[in-house]
């Protein structure tokens, strides 16, 4: 139920920002780069300018996954939408992350269409 709420909230915020012509997460609090871990993968997320759009790359051994991210910053609550652009998840749907920021750390849960379960993630914001 929580992830359904997160998806609806993310969709509503993305739609509202598009209609109003504003960026919901153009906040310096989200920094310009994150280092992130999930399911044994090591990720680096890099912000595109001052927008809410990010480019992400994960590695696990010799495997690489790349994705476009949209990060919505709602104070201490962070919502993330991910669409893979390289790797086995391409064309299989979007992943949704919901986390809480405490200082320079964001931790929470995410789900992807190809996963049967909700998994934890943890990121460090580089300012």
N, C-alpha and C. Protein backbone atom coordinates (compact mmCIF):
# COMPACT_ATOMS: atom_id res chain seq x y z
N UNK A 1 0.82 -1.19 0.00
CA UNK A 1 0.00 0.00 0.00
C UNK A 1 0.87 1.26 0.00
N UNK A 2 1.96 1.23 0.76
CA UNK A 2 2.84 2.39 0.85
C UNK A 2 3.45 2.73 -0.51
N UNK A 3 3.86 1.71 -1.27
CA UNK A 3 4.46 1.96 -2.58
C UNK A 3 3.43 2.48 -3.57
N UNK A 4 2.18 2.03 -3.46
CA UNK A 4 1.13 2.56 -4.33
C UNK A 4 0.97 4.05 -4.05
N UNK A 5 0.95 4.43 -2.77
CA UNK A 5 0.86 5.84 -2.40
C UNK A 5 2.05 6.61 -2.96
N UNK A 6 3.25 6.03 -2.85
CA UNK A 6 4.45 6.70 -3.36
C UNK A 6 4.35 6.91 -4.86
N UNK A 7 3.85 5.93 -5.60
CA UNK A 7 3.70 6.06 -7.05
C UNK A 7 2.69 7.15 -7.39
N UNK A 8 1.56 7.17 -6.68
CA UNK A 8 0.56 8.19 -6.94
C UNK A 8 1.09 9.59 -6.61
N UNK A 9 1.80 9.70 -5.50
CA UNK A 9 2.37 10.99 -5.11
C UNK A 9 3.39 11.46 -6.14
N UNK A 10 4.26 10.55 -6.57
CA UNK A 10 5.26 10.91 -7.57
C UNK A 10 4.58 11.36 -8.86
N UNK A 11 3.58 10.60 -9.32
CA UNK A 11 2.87 10.97 -10.54
C UNK A 11 2.19 12.32 -10.39
N UNK A 12 1.57 12.57 -9.24
CA UNK A 12 0.89 13.84 -9.01
C UNK A 12 1.88 15.00 -9.00
N UNK A 13 3.01 14.82 -8.33
CA UNK A 13 4.01 15.89 -8.27
C UNK A 13 4.62 16.16 -9.63
N UNK A 14 4.90 15.10 -10.38
CA UNK A 14 5.46 15.30 -11.72
C UNK A 14 4.46 16.01 -12.61
N UNK A 15 3.20 15.62 -12.52
CA UNK A 15 2.17 16.27 -13.31
C UNK A 15 1.97 17.72 -12.91
N UNK A 16 1.94 17.99 -11.62
CA UNK A 16 1.76 19.35 -11.14
C UNK A 16 2.91 20.24 -11.56
N UNK A 17 4.12 19.72 -11.48
CA UNK A 17 5.26 20.56 -11.86
C UNK A 17 5.26 20.84 -13.35
N UNK A 18 4.80 19.88 -14.16
CA UNK A 18 4.72 20.11 -15.60
C UNK A 18 3.65 21.14 -15.93
N UNK A 19 2.50 21.05 -15.27
CA UNK A 19 1.41 21.98 -15.52
C UNK A 19 1.78 23.39 -15.08
N UNK A 20 2.40 23.50 -13.91
CA UNK A 20 2.74 24.81 -13.37
C UNK A 20 4.03 25.37 -13.95
N UNK A 21 4.79 24.53 -14.64
CA UNK A 21 6.05 24.97 -15.21
C UNK A 21 7.14 25.20 -14.18
N UNK A 22 7.05 24.49 -13.06
CA UNK A 22 8.06 24.60 -12.02
C UNK A 22 8.67 23.23 -11.77
N UNK A 23 9.82 23.24 -11.16
CA UNK A 23 10.47 22.00 -10.80
C UNK A 23 10.32 21.79 -9.31
N UNK A 24 9.68 20.68 -8.93
CA UNK A 24 9.38 20.43 -7.52
C UNK A 24 10.63 20.17 -6.70
N UNK A 25 11.71 19.72 -7.33
CA UNK A 25 12.86 19.32 -6.52
C UNK A 25 14.12 20.08 -6.86
N UNK A 26 14.01 21.27 -7.41
CA UNK A 26 15.21 22.05 -7.74
C UNK A 26 15.80 22.62 -6.46
N UNK A 27 16.16 21.73 -5.57
CA UNK A 27 16.66 22.12 -4.26
C UNK A 27 18.14 21.81 -4.14
N UNK A 28 18.88 22.74 -3.58
CA UNK A 28 20.30 22.51 -3.34
C UNK A 28 20.50 21.40 -2.31
N UNK A 29 19.47 21.11 -1.51
CA UNK A 29 19.57 20.07 -0.49
C UNK A 29 19.82 18.69 -1.08
N UNK A 30 19.45 18.48 -2.34
CA UNK A 30 19.68 17.17 -2.95
C UNK A 30 21.07 17.06 -3.55
N UNK A 31 21.85 18.13 -3.51
CA UNK A 31 23.23 18.09 -3.97
C UNK A 31 23.36 17.93 -5.47
N UNK A 32 24.55 17.54 -5.91
CA UNK A 32 24.82 17.36 -7.34
C UNK A 32 25.19 15.93 -7.68
N UNK A 33 25.47 15.13 -6.66
CA UNK A 33 25.83 13.73 -6.90
C UNK A 33 25.47 12.90 -5.67
N UNK A 34 25.01 11.68 -5.89
CA UNK A 34 24.76 10.74 -4.81
C UNK A 34 25.57 9.48 -5.06
N UNK A 35 26.06 8.86 -4.00
CA UNK A 35 26.58 7.50 -4.08
C UNK A 35 25.54 6.63 -3.39
N UNK A 36 25.20 5.49 -4.02
CA UNK A 36 24.04 4.73 -3.58
C UNK A 36 24.33 3.24 -3.64
N UNK A 37 23.70 2.47 -2.74
CA UNK A 37 23.79 1.01 -2.77
C UNK A 37 22.39 0.42 -2.71
N UNK A 38 22.22 -0.66 -3.47
CA UNK A 38 20.97 -1.40 -3.47
C UNK A 38 21.22 -2.80 -4.00
N UNK A 39 20.76 -3.79 -3.29
CA UNK A 39 20.83 -5.19 -3.73
C UNK A 39 22.22 -5.60 -4.21
N UNK A 40 23.25 -5.10 -3.54
CA UNK A 40 24.62 -5.45 -3.92
C UNK A 40 25.20 -4.62 -5.05
N UNK A 41 24.42 -3.70 -5.60
CA UNK A 41 24.88 -2.81 -6.67
C UNK A 41 25.41 -1.52 -6.06
N UNK A 42 26.47 -0.96 -6.66
CA UNK A 42 27.04 0.32 -6.25
C UNK A 42 26.68 1.36 -7.31
N UNK A 43 25.99 2.42 -6.89
CA UNK A 43 25.52 3.42 -7.85
C UNK A 43 26.13 4.79 -7.65
N UNK A 44 26.22 5.52 -8.74
CA UNK A 44 26.59 6.94 -8.73
C UNK A 44 25.51 7.66 -9.52
N UNK A 45 24.86 8.62 -8.88
CA UNK A 45 23.80 9.40 -9.51
C UNK A 45 24.31 10.83 -9.66
N UNK A 46 24.20 11.38 -10.87
CA UNK A 46 24.71 12.73 -11.15
C UNK A 46 23.56 13.60 -11.65
N UNK A 47 23.40 14.74 -11.01
CA UNK A 47 22.32 15.67 -11.35
C UNK A 47 22.63 16.41 -12.64
N UNK A 48 21.59 16.65 -13.44
CA UNK A 48 21.71 17.44 -14.67
C UNK A 48 21.43 18.90 -14.32
N UNK A 49 22.49 19.68 -14.19
CA UNK A 49 22.34 21.10 -13.84
C UNK A 49 21.66 21.27 -12.50
N UNK A 50 20.64 22.13 -12.46
CA UNK A 50 19.88 22.38 -11.24
C UNK A 50 18.48 21.77 -11.32
N UNK A 51 18.28 20.88 -12.27
CA UNK A 51 16.96 20.29 -12.50
C UNK A 51 16.71 19.12 -11.55
N UNK A 52 15.56 18.49 -11.71
CA UNK A 52 15.25 17.28 -10.95
C UNK A 52 15.60 16.02 -11.74
N UNK A 53 16.30 16.18 -12.86
CA UNK A 53 16.70 15.05 -13.70
C UNK A 53 18.13 14.62 -13.37
N UNK A 54 18.32 13.33 -13.28
CA UNK A 54 19.61 12.75 -12.90
C UNK A 54 19.95 11.61 -13.85
N UNK A 55 21.24 11.34 -14.00
CA UNK A 55 21.76 10.17 -14.73
C UNK A 55 22.38 9.26 -13.68
N UNK A 56 22.02 7.99 -13.72
CA UNK A 56 22.53 7.04 -12.74
C UNK A 56 23.25 5.89 -13.43
N UNK A 57 24.31 5.42 -12.79
CA UNK A 57 25.04 4.24 -13.24
C UNK A 57 25.29 3.35 -12.04
N UNK A 58 24.97 2.06 -12.17
CA UNK A 58 25.25 1.07 -11.12
C UNK A 58 26.20 0.03 -11.67
N UNK A 59 27.06 -0.49 -10.80
CA UNK A 59 27.94 -1.59 -11.17
C UNK A 59 27.85 -2.68 -10.10
N UNK A 60 27.99 -3.90 -10.57
CA UNK A 60 28.05 -5.08 -9.70
C UNK A 60 28.93 -6.08 -10.42
N UNK A 61 30.18 -6.18 -9.98
CA UNK A 61 31.14 -6.99 -10.73
C UNK A 61 31.37 -6.36 -12.09
N UNK A 62 31.21 -7.14 -13.15
CA UNK A 62 31.36 -6.63 -14.52
C UNK A 62 30.04 -6.14 -15.12
N UNK A 63 28.96 -6.19 -14.36
CA UNK A 63 27.64 -5.78 -14.85
C UNK A 63 27.42 -4.29 -14.63
N UNK A 64 26.75 -3.67 -15.60
CA UNK A 64 26.48 -2.23 -15.56
C UNK A 64 25.01 -1.99 -15.89
N UNK A 65 24.38 -1.09 -15.15
CA UNK A 65 23.01 -0.63 -15.43
C UNK A 65 23.05 0.88 -15.43
N UNK A 66 22.35 1.49 -16.40
CA UNK A 66 22.21 2.95 -16.46
C UNK A 66 20.73 3.30 -16.49
N UNK A 67 20.41 4.47 -15.92
CA UNK A 67 19.01 4.89 -15.87
C UNK A 67 18.91 6.40 -15.80
N UNK A 68 17.75 6.89 -16.21
CA UNK A 68 17.36 8.28 -15.99
C UNK A 68 16.50 8.30 -14.74
N UNK A 69 16.76 9.28 -13.87
CA UNK A 69 16.01 9.42 -12.63
C UNK A 69 15.34 10.78 -12.57
N UNK A 70 14.20 10.82 -11.90
CA UNK A 70 13.57 12.07 -11.49
C UNK A 70 13.47 12.02 -9.98
N UNK A 71 14.07 12.99 -9.32
CA UNK A 71 14.07 13.02 -7.86
C UNK A 71 13.19 14.18 -7.39
N UNK A 72 12.18 13.84 -6.60
CA UNK A 72 11.26 14.83 -6.04
C UNK A 72 11.64 15.02 -4.57
N UNK A 73 12.00 16.25 -4.22
CA UNK A 73 12.44 16.61 -2.88
C UNK A 73 11.30 17.28 -2.14
N UNK A 74 10.77 16.62 -1.13
CA UNK A 74 9.69 17.17 -0.31
C UNK A 74 10.18 17.32 1.12
N UNK A 75 11.22 18.10 1.30
CA UNK A 75 11.78 18.25 2.64
C UNK A 75 12.56 17.01 3.02
N UNK A 76 12.13 16.33 4.07
CA UNK A 76 12.85 15.11 4.47
C UNK A 76 12.40 13.89 3.67
N UNK A 77 11.28 13.98 2.96
CA UNK A 77 10.78 12.88 2.14
C UNK A 77 11.31 13.03 0.72
N UNK A 78 11.85 11.93 0.20
CA UNK A 78 12.39 11.91 -1.15
C UNK A 78 11.66 10.84 -1.95
N UNK A 79 11.17 11.19 -3.13
CA UNK A 79 10.52 10.25 -4.04
C UNK A 79 11.33 10.23 -5.34
N UNK A 80 11.58 9.04 -5.85
CA UNK A 80 12.42 8.88 -7.04
C UNK A 80 11.73 7.96 -8.03
N UNK A 81 11.75 8.37 -9.28
CA UNK A 81 11.26 7.53 -10.37
C UNK A 81 12.45 7.20 -11.27
N UNK A 82 12.57 5.94 -11.64
CA UNK A 82 13.72 5.46 -12.41
C UNK A 82 13.25 4.75 -13.68
N UNK A 83 13.90 5.09 -14.79
CA UNK A 83 13.67 4.36 -16.03
C UNK A 83 15.03 3.93 -16.59
N UNK A 84 15.24 2.62 -16.66
CA UNK A 84 16.52 2.10 -17.14
C UNK A 84 16.73 2.42 -18.61
N UNK A 85 17.96 2.81 -18.95
CA UNK A 85 18.33 3.11 -20.34
C UNK A 85 19.36 2.13 -20.88
N UNK A 86 19.96 1.33 -19.99
CA UNK A 86 20.94 0.32 -20.38
C UNK A 86 20.93 -0.78 -19.33
N UNK A 87 20.85 -2.02 -19.78
CA UNK A 87 20.86 -3.16 -18.87
C UNK A 87 19.60 -3.98 -19.00
N UNK A 88 19.44 -5.00 -18.17
CA UNK A 88 18.33 -5.93 -18.31
C UNK A 88 16.95 -5.35 -18.02
N UNK A 89 16.86 -4.19 -17.37
CA UNK A 89 15.57 -3.59 -17.05
C UNK A 89 14.98 -2.71 -18.14
N UNK A 90 15.72 -2.51 -19.24
CA UNK A 90 15.24 -1.62 -20.31
C UNK A 90 13.93 -2.17 -20.88
N UNK A 91 12.92 -1.30 -20.95
CA UNK A 91 11.64 -1.67 -21.53
C UNK A 91 10.73 -2.48 -20.61
N UNK A 92 11.12 -2.68 -19.37
CA UNK A 92 10.32 -3.50 -18.45
C UNK A 92 9.51 -2.67 -17.46
N UNK A 93 9.51 -1.36 -17.59
CA UNK A 93 8.75 -0.52 -16.69
C UNK A 93 9.64 0.30 -15.78
N UNK A 94 9.03 1.14 -14.99
CA UNK A 94 9.75 2.07 -14.11
C UNK A 94 9.85 1.53 -12.69
N UNK A 95 10.92 1.93 -12.03
CA UNK A 95 11.11 1.63 -10.61
C UNK A 95 10.72 2.87 -9.81
N UNK A 96 10.26 2.65 -8.59
CA UNK A 96 9.87 3.75 -7.71
C UNK A 96 10.55 3.60 -6.36
N UNK A 97 11.15 4.69 -5.90
CA UNK A 97 11.87 4.73 -4.63
C UNK A 97 11.15 5.71 -3.71
N UNK A 98 11.14 5.39 -2.43
CA UNK A 98 10.60 6.29 -1.41
C UNK A 98 11.56 6.26 -0.23
N UNK A 99 12.07 7.44 0.14
CA UNK A 99 13.05 7.47 1.21
C UNK A 99 12.92 8.68 2.10
N UNK A 100 13.72 8.68 3.14
CA UNK A 100 13.77 9.77 4.11
C UNK A 100 15.19 10.29 4.17
N UNK A 101 15.33 11.62 4.10
CA UNK A 101 16.65 12.24 4.20
C UNK A 101 16.92 12.65 5.64
N UNK A 102 18.09 12.27 6.11
CA UNK A 102 18.59 12.71 7.42
C UNK A 102 20.00 13.21 7.18
N UNK A 103 20.18 14.52 7.19
CA UNK A 103 21.48 15.11 6.87
C UNK A 103 21.84 14.81 5.43
N UNK A 104 22.99 14.19 5.22
CA UNK A 104 23.44 13.84 3.87
C UNK A 104 23.12 12.41 3.48
N UNK A 105 22.26 11.74 4.25
CA UNK A 105 21.92 10.34 3.97
C UNK A 105 20.45 10.22 3.62
N UNK A 106 20.17 9.43 2.58
CA UNK A 106 18.79 9.10 2.20
C UNK A 106 18.68 7.59 2.25
N UNK A 107 17.68 7.09 2.96
CA UNK A 107 17.46 5.64 2.99
C UNK A 107 15.97 5.37 2.88
N UNK A 108 15.65 4.21 2.32
CA UNK A 108 14.26 3.86 2.14
C UNK A 108 14.10 2.56 1.39
N UNK A 109 13.03 2.49 0.60
CA UNK A 109 12.68 1.28 -0.13
C UNK A 109 12.44 1.61 -1.59
N UNK A 110 12.59 0.59 -2.44
CA UNK A 110 12.27 0.75 -3.85
C UNK A 110 11.67 -0.55 -4.37
N UNK A 111 10.96 -0.41 -5.47
CA UNK A 111 10.39 -1.57 -6.14
C UNK A 111 10.51 -1.38 -7.64
N UNK A 112 10.74 -2.49 -8.33
CA UNK A 112 10.83 -2.51 -9.79
C UNK A 112 9.88 -3.58 -10.30
N UNK A 113 9.34 -3.42 -11.51
CA UNK A 113 8.39 -4.40 -12.04
C UNK A 113 8.94 -5.82 -12.12
N UNK A 114 10.23 -5.97 -12.30
CA UNK A 114 10.82 -7.30 -12.45
C UNK A 114 11.17 -7.94 -11.11
N UNK A 115 10.98 -7.21 -10.02
CA UNK A 115 11.26 -7.74 -8.69
C UNK A 115 9.95 -8.09 -8.00
N UNK A 116 9.93 -9.17 -7.29
CA UNK A 116 8.71 -9.61 -6.60
C UNK A 116 8.59 -8.99 -5.20
N UNK A 117 9.57 -8.20 -4.81
CA UNK A 117 9.58 -7.68 -3.45
C UNK A 117 10.08 -6.24 -3.41
N UNK A 118 9.79 -5.56 -2.33
CA UNK A 118 10.32 -4.23 -2.06
C UNK A 118 11.69 -4.40 -1.40
N UNK A 119 12.66 -3.63 -1.86
CA UNK A 119 14.04 -3.77 -1.38
C UNK A 119 14.53 -2.45 -0.78
N UNK A 120 15.51 -2.51 0.12
CA UNK A 120 16.07 -1.29 0.71
C UNK A 120 17.13 -0.65 -0.18
N UNK A 121 17.28 0.66 -0.03
CA UNK A 121 18.39 1.38 -0.67
C UNK A 121 18.93 2.39 0.33
N UNK A 122 20.17 2.81 0.10
CA UNK A 122 20.78 3.84 0.94
C UNK A 122 21.70 4.67 0.07
N UNK A 123 21.63 5.99 0.23
CA UNK A 123 22.45 6.90 -0.58
C UNK A 123 23.07 7.97 0.31
N UNK A 124 24.22 8.45 -0.15
CA UNK A 124 24.89 9.58 0.48
C UNK A 124 24.91 10.74 -0.50
N UNK A 125 24.45 11.90 -0.06
CA UNK A 125 24.41 13.09 -0.89
C UNK A 125 25.77 13.77 -0.86
N UNK A 126 26.32 14.04 -2.05
CA UNK A 126 27.57 14.79 -2.18
C UNK A 126 27.19 16.22 -2.52
N UNK A 127 27.58 17.16 -1.71
CA UNK A 127 27.19 18.56 -1.94
C UNK A 127 28.31 19.34 -2.58
